[in-house]
Amino acid sequence: MVLMPRASKRNPVILKWIAIVILAGRWLDLYLAVMPDITIAPSVRPLDVVIVAGYAGAFFLMATRALASAPLVPLNNPSFHESLAHRQ
């Protein structure tokens, strides 16, 4: 999604950070594929907690930024006040 706009594809700083994220994700993918957990009972390792926390943090950050960037109430909509009268 970051590389969708043309300006971001021409910005070397953005390309550098995207490359770092892709390489880190590839390393993590290979690490988890090569180092399987062979225990009988499932265990929670610190890396598992960090991965879940990272995804949850990234989702929370993107969701709050998206909600803060645009108004949640439609502006300049002529039928908005009429629709408020019909809500339950």
Protein backbone atom coordinates (compact mmCIF):
# COMPACT_ATOMS: atom_id res chain seq x y z
CA MET A 1 0.00 0.00 0.00
CA VAL A 2 2.91 2.34 0.68
CA LEU A 3 4.25 1.94 -2.86
CA MET A 4 0.93 2.68 -4.58
CA PRO A 5 1.55 6.42 -5.17
CA ARG A 6 4.13 7.33 -7.79
CA ALA A 7 5.84 9.83 -5.49
CA SER A 8 6.65 7.17 -2.89
CA LYS A 9 8.23 4.91 -5.53
CA ARG A 10 10.58 7.74 -6.48
CA ASN A 11 11.55 8.58 -2.89
CA PRO A 12 14.76 6.73 -1.90
CA VAL A 13 14.07 7.04 1.84
CA ILE A 14 10.69 5.32 1.54
CA LEU A 15 12.17 2.63 -0.72
CA LYS A 16 14.95 1.99 1.81
CA TRP A 17 12.48 1.45 4.67
CA ILE A 18 10.22 -0.75 2.56
CA ALA A 19 13.25 -2.87 1.59
CA ILE A 20 14.24 -3.21 5.26
CA VAL A 21 10.73 -4.31 6.22
CA ILE A 22 10.61 -6.84 3.38
CA LEU A 23 14.03 -8.27 4.24
CA ALA A 24 13.14 -8.51 7.94
CA GLY A 25 9.88 -10.24 7.08
CA ARG A 26 11.67 -12.67 4.78
CA TRP A 27 14.25 -13.46 7.49
CA LEU A 28 11.49 -14.07 10.02
CA ASP A 29 9.66 -16.31 7.54
CA LEU A 30 12.77 -18.41 6.94
CA TYR A 31 13.57 -18.55 10.66
CA LEU A 32 10.12 -19.83 11.53
CA ALA A 33 10.21 -22.35 8.66
CA VAL A 34 13.64 -23.75 9.56
CA MET A 35 13.29 -23.74 13.36
CA PRO A 36 10.02 -25.61 13.97
CA ASP A 37 8.80 -26.27 17.48
CA ILE A 38 8.85 -30.04 18.08
CA THR A 39 7.38 -30.13 21.58
CA ILE A 40 4.28 -32.13 22.41
CA ALA A 41 2.57 -29.43 24.44
CA PRO A 42 2.20 -26.06 22.71
CA SER A 43 4.31 -23.38 24.31
CA VAL A 44 4.35 -19.61 23.95
CA ARG A 45 7.81 -18.25 23.21
CA PRO A 46 8.84 -14.62 23.56
CA LEU A 47 9.14 -14.33 19.77
CA ASP A 48 5.49 -15.38 19.40
CA VAL A 49 4.41 -12.67 21.82
CA VAL A 50 6.53 -10.07 20.00
CA ILE A 51 5.02 -11.03 16.62
CA VAL A 52 1.44 -10.79 17.92
CA ALA A 53 2.18 -7.49 19.68
CA GLY A 54 3.80 -6.10 16.54
CA TYR A 55 0.83 -6.94 14.34
CA ALA A 56 -1.61 -5.60 16.92
CA GLY A 57 0.40 -2.40 17.31
CA ALA A 58 0.66 -1.89 13.55
CA PHE A 59 -3.08 -2.42 13.15
CA PHE A 60 -3.89 -0.03 16.01
CA LEU A 61 -1.53 2.62 14.61
CA MET A 62 -2.94 2.41 11.08
CA ALA A 63 -6.55 2.34 12.29
CA THR A 64 -6.17 5.36 14.56
CA ARG A 65 -4.32 7.36 11.91
CA ALA A 66 -6.96 6.53 9.31
CA LEU A 67 -9.77 7.52 11.67
CA ALA A 68 -8.00 10.75 12.65
CA SER A 69 -7.27 11.81 9.08
CA ALA A 70 -10.88 12.01 7.90
CA PRO A 71 -14.06 13.21 9.60
CA LEU A 72 -16.39 10.44 10.68
CA VAL A 73 -19.45 12.59 9.96
CA PRO A 74 -20.04 13.54 6.30
CA LEU A 75 -19.45 17.24 5.72
CA ASN A 76 -21.52 19.35 3.30
CA ASN A 77 -24.06 16.58 2.75
CA PRO A 78 -27.44 18.23 2.16
CA SER A 79 -29.46 15.21 3.30
CA PHE A 80 -27.44 14.55 6.48
CA HIS A 81 -29.77 16.41 8.82
CA GLU A 82 -32.79 14.66 7.30
CA SER A 83 -31.18 11.27 7.86
CA LEU A 84 -30.57 12.09 11.52
CA ALA A 85 -34.30 12.47 11.99
CA HIS A 86 -34.88 8.89 10.75
CA ARG A 87 -32.39 7.12 12.99
CA GLN A 88 -33.73 5.08 15.86
